[in-house]
Amino acid sequence: MKYFMDALSFCLILFLISCNEEEKQETSPEVSLVPPFEGTIFLDPDIITDSDPTTFTGLSYAGQAERTMFDRRVNDWITVTPFLFNADFDDGLSIEIQVNPEFQNDATAEIEALKYAEVMGRLPKVVRMDVETSWIHKGTELFGGGNKNLLIHTGQAALYENDGILEETLVHEASHSSLDEDHAAATGWISAQEADRNFISTYARDNPTREDVAETFLMYLAIRYRSDRISASLKDEILKTIPNRIKYFDNQNFTMQPIE
């Protein structure tokens, strides 16, 4: 990705709005019910698993070059010369994976790039459509989405893996990059929010324009494509709480491979 000063300033604003967890909470529209969950990535580790197929086909090393990346450890942008890898997928998409030079050499960096490229390939195409880059750093910091990017901190990734929710977390973050712009403020989505009169999670309720789409899409994926993997009670709760948002997603004709 090429960076220009005016574009960089704009991206900084967008990124901090979309994925900085320490921002002030947004004002929620009036709701009459209490959300059933705190957050959706924790609800079921089997929505996507490491045994599911991946669209990832190969990785090529592209050397090192200057890039501007966001690093949660400093909560700011950094300009470094990461190890660059081009990850290709069999549905025609590609992602430039930028691995922080703190990984010391291209062989070690390639291990990280390969690991997460394979996981990204398990996500449905619709949430990878606008993902152009991925930043990989060390550290135990929250993942991030938006800015056409997936932000990964490997210490936090280990925690997600231990809980079995690495794929689920990346679905959430990729939704920020590929779905928010088209849907978060769409008339149909706002109408569905109002008709449901509730949110699937308190995280979505407290951040309705920033988190509701991402929190909801994972649940849509679960009940429409992985209903055999989730409990009947979870499925019933989703359909009871956000039926209009589910119908909204039904009408989008999303490309879901390799999920279906």
C-alpha atoms as a PDB file:
ATOM      1  CA  MET A   1       0.000   0.000   0.000  1.00  0.00           C
ATOM      2  CA  LYS A   2       1.329   3.416  -0.885  1.00  0.00           C
ATOM      3  CA  TYR A   3       0.909   6.134   1.712  1.00  0.00           C
ATOM      4  CA  PHE A   4       0.520   9.853   1.121  1.00  0.00           C
ATOM      5  CA  MET A   5       0.524  12.458   3.864  1.00  0.00           C
ATOM      6  CA  ASP A   6      -3.057  13.605   3.323  1.00  0.00           C
ATOM      7  CA  ALA A   7      -4.324  10.048   2.979  1.00  0.00           C
ATOM      8  CA  LEU A   8      -2.373   8.991   6.053  1.00  0.00           C
ATOM      9  CA  SER A   9      -3.974  11.699   8.163  1.00  0.00           C
ATOM     10  CA  PHE A  10      -7.411  10.653   6.960  1.00  0.00           C
ATOM     11  CA  CYS A  11      -6.691   6.975   7.640  1.00  0.00           C
ATOM     12  CA  LEU A  12      -5.491   7.810  11.142  1.00  0.00           C
ATOM     13  CA  ILE A  13      -8.819   9.405  11.911  1.00  0.00           C
ATOM     14  CA  LEU A  14     -10.770   6.496  10.477  1.00  0.00           C
ATOM     15  CA  PHE A  15      -8.661   3.865  12.182  1.00  0.00           C
ATOM     16  CA  LEU A  16      -8.805   5.433  15.608  1.00  0.00           C
ATOM     17  CA  ILE A  17     -12.557   5.791  15.289  1.00  0.00           C
ATOM     18  CA  SER A  18     -13.092   2.226  14.070  1.00  0.00           C
ATOM     19  CA  CYS A  19     -10.843   0.190  16.325  1.00  0.00           C
ATOM     20  CA  ASN A  20      -9.407   2.083  19.288  1.00  0.00           C
ATOM     21  CA  GLU A  21     -10.983   0.322  22.235  1.00  0.00           C
ATOM     22  CA  GLU A  22     -10.359   3.231  24.613  1.00  0.00           C
ATOM     23  CA  GLU A  23     -12.533   5.729  22.787  1.00  0.00           C
ATOM     24  CA  LYS A  24     -15.527   7.275  24.413  1.00  0.00           C
ATOM     25  CA  GLN A  25     -18.656   5.196  23.995  1.00  0.00           C
ATOM     26  CA  GLU A  26     -21.154   6.256  21.394  1.00  0.00           C
ATOM     27  CA  THR A  27     -24.695   7.323  22.081  1.00  0.00           C
ATOM     28  CA  SER A  28     -27.035   4.374  21.538  1.00  0.00           C
ATOM     29  CA  PRO A  29     -30.476   4.717  20.039  1.00  0.00           C
ATOM     30  CA  GLU A  30     -33.213   4.086  22.549  1.00  0.00           C
ATOM     31  CA  VAL A  31     -33.813   0.381  23.171  1.00  0.00           C
ATOM     32  CA  SER A  32     -36.347  -1.351  25.353  1.00  0.00           C
ATOM     33  CA  LEU A  33     -34.582  -4.663  26.040  1.00  0.00           C
ATOM     34  CA  VAL A  34     -31.299  -5.769  27.573  1.00  0.00           C
ATOM     35  CA  PRO A  35     -28.763  -7.365  25.167  1.00  0.00           C
ATOM     36  CA  PRO A  36     -28.311 -11.075  25.905  1.00  0.00           C
ATOM     37  CA  PHE A  37     -24.501 -11.098  25.593  1.00  0.00           C
ATOM     38  CA  GLU A  38     -21.531  -8.889  26.418  1.00  0.00           C
ATOM     39  CA  GLY A  39     -19.697  -9.681  23.160  1.00  0.00           C
ATOM     40  CA  THR A  40     -20.183 -12.204  20.378  1.00  0.00           C
ATOM     41  CA  ILE A  41     -16.669 -13.468  19.613  1.00  0.00           C
ATOM     42  CA  PHE A  42     -16.699 -15.468  22.863  1.00  0.00           C
ATOM     43  CA  LEU A  43     -19.974 -17.332  22.329  1.00  0.00           C
ATOM     44  CA  ASP A  44     -18.873 -20.409  20.391  1.00  0.00           C
ATOM     45  CA  PRO A  45     -15.348 -21.488  19.350  1.00  0.00           C
ATOM     46  CA  ASP A  46     -16.609 -23.835  16.625  1.00  0.00           C
ATOM     47  CA  ILE A  47     -18.198 -21.381  14.216  1.00  0.00           C
ATOM     48  CA  ILE A  48     -14.937 -21.615  12.248  1.00  0.00           C
ATOM     49  CA  THR A  49     -12.186 -24.020  13.299  1.00  0.00           C
ATOM     50  CA  ASP A  50      -8.646 -24.832  12.206  1.00  0.00           C
ATOM     51  CA  SER A  51      -9.935 -27.957  10.444  1.00  0.00           C
ATOM     52  CA  ASP A  52     -12.180 -25.954   8.107  1.00  0.00           C
ATOM     53  CA  PRO A  53     -11.063 -25.351   4.509  1.00  0.00           C
ATOM     54  CA  THR A  54      -9.030 -22.288   3.609  1.00  0.00           C
ATOM     55  CA  THR A  55      -8.857 -20.338   0.365  1.00  0.00           C
ATOM     56  CA  PHE A  56      -5.206 -19.483   1.035  1.00  0.00           C
ATOM     57  CA  THR A  57      -3.010 -20.818  -1.783  1.00  0.00           C
ATOM     58  CA  GLY A  58       0.449 -19.373  -1.319  1.00  0.00           C
ATOM     59  CA  LEU A  59       2.804 -16.794   0.097  1.00  0.00           C
ATOM     60  CA  SER A  60       5.622 -14.936  -1.653  1.00  0.00           C
ATOM     61  CA  TYR A  61       8.298 -12.866   0.023  1.00  0.00           C
ATOM     62  CA  ALA A  62       8.606  -9.304  -1.304  1.00  0.00           C
ATOM     63  CA  GLY A  63      11.554  -8.086   0.739  1.00  0.00           C
ATOM     64  CA  GLN A  64      11.520  -5.149   3.137  1.00  0.00           C
ATOM     65  CA  ALA A  65      10.252  -1.655   2.451  1.00  0.00           C
ATOM     66  CA  GLU A  66       9.033   1.293   4.456  1.00  0.00           C
ATOM     67  CA  ARG A  67       5.450   1.065   5.654  1.00  0.00           C
ATOM     68  CA  THR A  68       3.318   2.949   8.141  1.00  0.00           C
ATOM     69  CA  MET A  69       1.578   0.625  10.604  1.00  0.00           C
ATOM     70  CA  PHE A  70      -0.578   1.069  13.677  1.00  0.00           C
ATOM     71  CA  ASP A  71       0.847  -0.472  16.869  1.00  0.00           C
ATOM     72  CA  ARG A  72      -1.383  -0.697  19.933  1.00  0.00           C
ATOM     73  CA  ARG A  73       1.607  -0.991  22.232  1.00  0.00           C
ATOM     74  CA  VAL A  74       2.280   2.678  21.638  1.00  0.00           C
ATOM     75  CA  ASN A  75      -1.301   3.427  20.593  1.00  0.00           C
ATOM     76  CA  ASP A  76       0.013   5.281  17.581  1.00  0.00           C
ATOM     77  CA  TRP A  77       1.308   4.954  14.041  1.00  0.00           C
ATOM     78  CA  ILE A  78       4.879   3.803  13.469  1.00  0.00           C
ATOM     79  CA  THR A  79       6.946   3.964  10.291  1.00  0.00           C
ATOM     80  CA  VAL A  80       9.261   0.965   9.939  1.00  0.00           C
ATOM     81  CA  THR A  81      10.619  -1.411   7.289  1.00  0.00           C
ATOM     82  CA  PRO A  82       8.630  -4.609   7.845  1.00  0.00           C
ATOM     83  CA  PHE A  83       9.096  -7.939   6.130  1.00  0.00           C
ATOM     84  CA  LEU A  84       6.553  -8.025   3.295  1.00  0.00           C
ATOM     85  CA  PHE A  85       4.660 -11.056   2.052  1.00  0.00           C
ATOM     86  CA  ASN A  86       1.965 -11.325  -0.599  1.00  0.00           C
ATOM     87  CA  ALA A  87      -0.712 -13.826   0.416  1.00  0.00           C
ATOM     88  CA  ASP A  88      -2.878 -15.175  -2.400  1.00  0.00           C
ATOM     89  CA  PHE A  89      -6.277 -16.827  -2.166  1.00  0.00           C
ATOM     90  CA  ASP A  90      -8.080 -19.041  -4.650  1.00  0.00           C
ATOM     91  CA  ASP A  91     -11.019 -16.641  -4.932  1.00  0.00           C
ATOM     92  CA  GLY A  92      -8.833 -13.996  -6.573  1.00  0.00           C
ATOM     93  CA  LEU A  93      -8.123 -11.898  -3.479  1.00  0.00           C
ATOM     94  CA  SER A  94      -4.692 -11.028  -2.090  1.00  0.00           C
ATOM     95  CA  ILE A  95      -3.376  -9.375   1.069  1.00  0.00           C
ATOM     96  CA  GLU A  96      -0.001  -7.759   1.733  1.00  0.00           C
ATOM     97  CA  ILE A  97       1.120  -9.038   5.124  1.00  0.00           C
ATOM     98  CA  GLN A  98       3.515  -6.652   6.858  1.00  0.00           C
ATOM     99  CA  VAL A  99       5.510  -8.277   9.667  1.00  0.00           C
ATOM    100  CA  ASN A 100       7.215  -5.945  12.129  1.00  0.00           C
ATOM    101  CA  PRO A 101      11.036  -6.018  11.773  1.00  0.00           C
ATOM    102  CA  GLU A 102      11.205  -6.935  15.470  1.00  0.00           C
ATOM    103  CA  PHE A 103      10.834 -10.537  14.228  1.00  0.00           C
ATOM    104  CA  GLN A 104      14.483 -10.108  13.141  1.00  0.00           C
ATOM    105  CA  ASN A 105      14.673 -12.113   9.908  1.00  0.00           C
ATOM    106  CA  ASP A 106      12.538 -13.106   6.959  1.00  0.00           C
ATOM    107  CA  ALA A 107      12.429 -16.784   7.952  1.00  0.00           C
ATOM    108  CA  THR A 108      10.895 -16.036  11.346  1.00  0.00           C
ATOM    109  CA  ALA A 109       8.583 -13.449   9.827  1.00  0.00           C
ATOM    110  CA  GLU A 110       7.432 -15.945   7.207  1.00  0.00           C
ATOM    111  CA  ILE A 111       6.287 -18.354   9.920  1.00  0.00           C
ATOM    112  CA  GLU A 112       3.981 -15.666  11.277  1.00  0.00           C
ATOM    113  CA  ALA A 113       2.739 -14.598   7.848  1.00  0.00           C
ATOM    114  CA  LEU A 114       1.959 -18.186   6.838  1.00  0.00           C
ATOM    115  CA  LYS A 115       0.105 -18.884  10.048  1.00  0.00           C
ATOM    116  CA  TYR A 116      -2.268 -15.957   9.794  1.00  0.00           C
ATOM    117  CA  ALA A 117      -2.686 -16.103   6.013  1.00  0.00           C
ATOM    118  CA  GLU A 118      -4.060 -19.619   6.352  1.00  0.00           C
ATOM    119  CA  VAL A 119      -6.475 -18.458   9.054  1.00  0.00           C
ATOM    120  CA  MET A 120      -7.575 -15.462   6.977  1.00  0.00           C
ATOM    121  CA  GLY A 121      -8.374 -17.841   4.149  1.00  0.00           C
ATOM    122  CA  ARG A 122     -11.023 -19.497   6.325  1.00  0.00           C
ATOM    123  CA  LEU A 123     -12.984 -16.261   6.603  1.00  0.00           C
ATOM    124  CA  PRO A 124     -15.868 -15.753   4.171  1.00  0.00           C
ATOM    125  CA  LYS A 125     -14.922 -13.821   1.077  1.00  0.00           C
ATOM    126  CA  VAL A 126     -17.340 -10.997   1.836  1.00  0.00           C
ATOM    127  CA  VAL A 127     -15.320  -9.895   4.880  1.00  0.00           C
ATOM    128  CA  ARG A 128     -11.981 -10.224   3.030  1.00  0.00           C
ATOM    129  CA  MET A 129     -13.097  -8.199   0.016  1.00  0.00           C
ATOM    130  CA  ASP A 130     -11.639  -4.888   1.215  1.00  0.00           C
ATOM    131  CA  VAL A 131      -8.780  -6.199   3.332  1.00  0.00           C
ATOM    132  CA  GLU A 132      -5.636  -5.032   1.547  1.00  0.00           C
ATOM    133  CA  THR A 133      -3.030  -5.357   4.298  1.00  0.00           C
ATOM    134  CA  SER A 134      -2.376  -7.019   7.620  1.00  0.00           C
ATOM    135  CA  TRP A 135      -0.013  -5.707  10.299  1.00  0.00           C
ATOM    136  CA  ILE A 136       1.646  -8.276  12.563  1.00  0.00           C
ATOM    137  CA  HIS A 137       3.393  -7.202  15.769  1.00  0.00           C
ATOM    138  CA  LYS A 138       4.472  -8.856  18.965  1.00  0.00           C
ATOM    139  CA  GLY A 139       2.685  -7.963  22.187  1.00  0.00           C
ATOM    140  CA  THR A 140      -0.513  -8.790  23.999  1.00  0.00           C
ATOM    141  CA  GLU A 141      -2.814  -6.129  22.638  1.00  0.00           C
ATOM    142  CA  LEU A 142      -6.284  -6.301  21.147  1.00  0.00           C
ATOM    143  CA  PHE A 143      -6.710  -7.006  17.446  1.00  0.00           C
ATOM    144  CA  GLY A 144      -8.105  -4.277  15.210  1.00  0.00           C
ATOM    145  CA  GLY A 145     -10.036  -3.883  11.983  1.00  0.00           C
ATOM    146  CA  GLY A 146     -10.900  -1.080   9.609  1.00  0.00           C
ATOM    147  CA  ASN A 147      -8.571   0.952   7.391  1.00  0.00           C
ATOM    148  CA  LYS A 148      -8.683  -1.983   4.903  1.00  0.00           C
ATOM    149  CA  ASN A 149      -6.474  -3.865   7.339  1.00  0.00           C
ATOM    150  CA  LEU A 150      -6.305  -6.566   9.979  1.00  0.00           C
ATOM    151  CA  LEU A 151      -4.162  -5.657  12.988  1.00  0.00           C
ATOM    152  CA  ILE A 152      -2.667  -8.662  14.814  1.00  0.00           C
ATOM    153  CA  HIS A 153      -0.613  -8.803  18.003  1.00  0.00           C
ATOM    154  CA  THR A 154       0.817 -12.293  18.421  1.00  0.00           C
ATOM    155  CA  GLY A 155       0.639 -12.392  22.215  1.00  0.00           C
ATOM    156  CA  GLN A 156      -3.076 -11.678  22.063  1.00  0.00           C
ATOM    157  CA  ALA A 157      -3.445 -14.185  19.230  1.00  0.00           C
ATOM    158  CA  ALA A 158      -2.128 -16.907  21.546  1.00  0.00           C
ATOM    159  CA  LEU A 159      -4.872 -16.073  24.041  1.00  0.00           C
ATOM    160  CA  TYR A 160      -7.521 -16.196  21.340  1.00  0.00           C
ATOM    161  CA  GLU A 161      -6.154 -19.538  20.167  1.00  0.00           C
ATOM    162  CA  ASN A 162      -6.288 -20.945  23.696  1.00  0.00           C
ATOM    163  CA  ASP A 163      -9.970 -19.995  23.801  1.00  0.00           C
ATOM    164  CA  GLY A 164     -10.554 -21.353  20.307  1.00  0.00           C
ATOM    165  CA  ILE A 165     -11.758 -18.000  18.972  1.00  0.00           C
ATOM    166  CA  LEU A 166      -8.949 -16.808  16.697  1.00  0.00           C
ATOM    167  CA  GLU A 167     -11.067 -17.244  13.556  1.00  0.00           C
ATOM    168  CA  GLU A 168     -14.142 -15.727  15.183  1.00  0.00           C
ATOM    169  CA  THR A 169     -12.141 -12.678  16.239  1.00  0.00           C
ATOM    170  CA  LEU A 170     -10.776 -12.177  12.734  1.00  0.00           C
ATOM    171  CA  VAL A 171     -14.296 -12.429  11.274  1.00  0.00           C
ATOM    172  CA  HIS A 172     -15.285  -9.584  13.589  1.00  0.00           C
ATOM    173  CA  GLU A 173     -12.269  -7.445  12.677  1.00  0.00           C
ATOM    174  CA  ALA A 174     -12.515  -8.139   8.949  1.00  0.00           C
ATOM    175  CA  SER A 175     -16.170  -7.084   9.096  1.00  0.00           C
ATOM    176  CA  HIS A 176     -14.963  -3.619  10.107  1.00  0.00           C
ATOM    177  CA  SER A 177     -12.804  -3.424   6.988  1.00  0.00           C
ATOM    178  CA  SER A 178     -15.288  -4.833   4.487  1.00  0.00           C
ATOM    179  CA  LEU A 179     -18.816  -4.239   5.821  1.00  0.00           C
ATOM    180  CA  ASP A 180     -18.935  -1.112   7.983  1.00  0.00           C
ATOM    181  CA  GLU A 181     -18.598   1.415   5.188  1.00  0.00           C
ATOM    182  CA  ASP A 182     -21.480  -0.007   3.171  1.00  0.00           C
ATOM    183  CA  HIS A 183     -23.820  -1.050   5.946  1.00  0.00           C
ATOM    184  CA  ALA A 184     -23.273   0.635   9.337  1.00  0.00           C
ATOM    185  CA  ALA A 185     -25.077   3.817   8.298  1.00  0.00           C
ATOM    186  CA  ALA A 186     -27.306   2.312   5.589  1.00  0.00           C
ATOM    187  CA  THR A 187     -30.981   3.171   5.790  1.00  0.00           C
ATOM    188  CA  GLY A 188     -31.972  -0.491   5.772  1.00  0.00           C
ATOM    189  CA  TRP A 189     -29.579  -1.314   8.608  1.00  0.00           C
ATOM    190  CA  ILE A 190     -30.768   1.582  10.755  1.00  0.00           C
ATOM    191  CA  SER A 191     -34.369   0.525  10.143  1.00  0.00           C
ATOM    192  CA  ALA A 192     -33.493  -3.022  11.202  1.00  0.00           C
ATOM    193  CA  GLN A 193     -31.863  -1.721  14.401  1.00  0.00           C
ATOM    194  CA  GLU A 194     -34.966   0.264  15.225  1.00  0.00           C
ATOM    195  CA  ALA A 195     -37.319  -2.617  14.445  1.00  0.00           C
ATOM    196  CA  ASP A 196     -35.342  -5.060  16.606  1.00  0.00           C
ATOM    197  CA  ARG A 197     -35.381  -2.633  19.554  1.00  0.00           C
ATOM    198  CA  ASN A 198     -32.351  -4.411  20.981  1.00  0.00           C
ATOM    199  CA  PHE A 199     -28.714  -5.306  20.290  1.00  0.00           C
ATOM    200  CA  ILE A 200     -27.076  -8.712  20.303  1.00  0.00           C
ATOM    201  CA  SER A 201     -24.450  -7.523  22.802  1.00  0.00           C
ATOM    202  CA  THR A 202     -23.748  -4.694  25.190  1.00  0.00           C
ATOM    203  CA  TYR A 203     -20.629  -3.963  23.120  1.00  0.00           C
ATOM    204  CA  ALA A 204     -22.839  -3.343  20.075  1.00  0.00           C
ATOM    205  CA  ARG A 205     -25.371  -1.372  22.108  1.00  0.00           C
ATOM    206  CA  ASP A 206     -22.717   0.918  23.568  1.00  0.00           C
ATOM    207  CA  ASN A 207     -21.088   1.466  20.154  1.00  0.00           C
ATOM    208  CA  PRO A 208     -23.996   1.167  17.699  1.00  0.00           C
ATOM    209  CA  THR A 209     -22.360   2.686  14.628  1.00  0.00           C
ATOM    210  CA  ARG A 210     -18.894   1.258  15.258  1.00  0.00           C
ATOM    211  CA  GLU A 211     -19.531  -2.290  16.491  1.00  0.00           C
ATOM    212  CA  ASP A 212     -23.084  -3.420  15.695  1.00  0.00           C
ATOM    213  CA  VAL A 213     -22.353  -4.697  12.173  1.00  0.00           C
ATOM    214  CA  ALA A 214     -19.270  -6.662  13.251  1.00  0.00           C
ATOM    215  CA  GLU A 215     -20.948  -8.043  16.372  1.00  0.00           C
ATOM    216  CA  THR A 216     -23.967  -9.116  14.335  1.00  0.00           C
ATOM    217  CA  PHE A 217     -22.262 -10.564  11.264  1.00  0.00           C
ATOM    218  CA  LEU A 218     -20.546 -13.336  13.234  1.00  0.00           C
ATOM    219  CA  MET A 219     -23.931 -14.356  14.646  1.00  0.00           C
ATOM    220  CA  TYR A 220     -25.444 -14.266  11.156  1.00  0.00           C
ATOM    221  CA  LEU A 221     -22.674 -16.561   9.974  1.00  0.00           C
ATOM    222  CA  ALA A 222     -23.342 -18.883  12.899  1.00  0.00           C
ATOM    223  CA  ILE A 223     -27.066 -19.380  12.418  1.00  0.00           C
ATOM    224  CA  ARG A 224     -27.185 -19.347   8.608  1.00  0.00           C
ATOM    225  CA  TYR A 225     -24.076 -21.417   7.860  1.00  0.00           C
ATOM    226  CA  ARG A 226     -23.019 -23.161  11.077  1.00  0.00           C
ATOM    227  CA  SER A 227     -26.309 -23.874  12.821  1.00  0.00           C
ATOM    228  CA  ASP A 228     -25.238 -27.498  13.322  1.00  0.00           C
ATOM    229  CA  ARG A 229     -22.297 -26.306  15.418  1.00  0.00           C
ATOM    230  CA  ILE A 230     -24.071 -23.997  17.823  1.00  0.00           C
ATOM    231  CA  SER A 231     -26.579 -24.771  20.537  1.00  0.00           C
ATOM    232  CA  ALA A 232     -30.294 -24.516  19.916  1.00  0.00           C
ATOM    233  CA  SER A 233     -30.524 -21.993  22.744  1.00  0.00           C
ATOM    234  CA  LEU A 234     -27.921 -19.722  21.128  1.00  0.00           C
ATOM    235  CA  LYS A 235     -29.681 -19.921  17.776  1.00  0.00           C
ATOM    236  CA  ASP A 236     -33.025 -19.102  19.388  1.00  0.00           C
ATOM    237  CA  GLU A 237     -31.540 -16.154  21.279  1.00  0.00           C
ATOM    238  CA  ILE A 238     -30.035 -14.680  18.117  1.00  0.00           C
ATOM    239  CA  LEU A 239     -33.267 -15.009  16.131  1.00  0.00           C
ATOM    240  CA  LYS A 240     -35.325 -13.631  18.992  1.00  0.00           C
ATOM    241  CA  THR A 241     -33.048 -10.639  19.581  1.00  0.00           C
ATOM    242  CA  ILE A 242     -32.090  -9.414  16.097  1.00  0.00           C
ATOM    243  CA  PRO A 243     -34.479 -10.955  13.516  1.00  0.00           C
ATOM    244  CA  ASN A 244     -34.578  -7.852  11.348  1.00  0.00           C
ATOM    245  CA  ARG A 245     -30.805  -7.531  11.139  1.00  0.00           C
ATOM    246  CA  ILE A 246     -30.609 -11.206  10.135  1.00  0.00           C
ATOM    247  CA  LYS A 247     -33.158 -10.561   7.367  1.00  0.00           C
ATOM    248  CA  TYR A 248     -31.159  -7.521   6.286  1.00  0.00           C
ATOM    249  CA  PHE A 249     -28.041  -9.667   5.858  1.00  0.00           C
ATOM    250  CA  ASP A 250     -30.097 -12.353   4.092  1.00  0.00           C
ATOM    251  CA  ASN A 251     -30.993  -9.792   1.445  1.00  0.00           C
ATOM    252  CA  GLN A 252     -27.369  -8.793   0.706  1.00  0.00           C
ATOM    253  CA  ASN A 253     -26.419 -11.903  -1.300  1.00  0.00           C
ATOM    254  CA  PHE A 254     -23.030 -12.101   0.370  1.00  0.00           C
ATOM    255  CA  THR A 255     -20.288 -14.241  -1.165  1.00  0.00           C
ATOM    256  CA  MET A 256     -19.484 -16.655   1.657  1.00  0.00           C
ATOM    257  CA  GLN A 257     -16.871 -19.050   0.246  1.00  0.00           C
ATOM    258  CA  PRO A 258     -15.215 -21.128   1.638  1.00  0.00           C
ATOM    259  CA  ILE A 259     -17.989 -21.258   4.266  1.00  0.00           C
ATOM    260  CA  GLU A 260     -20.419 -22.621   1.659  1.00  0.00           C
END
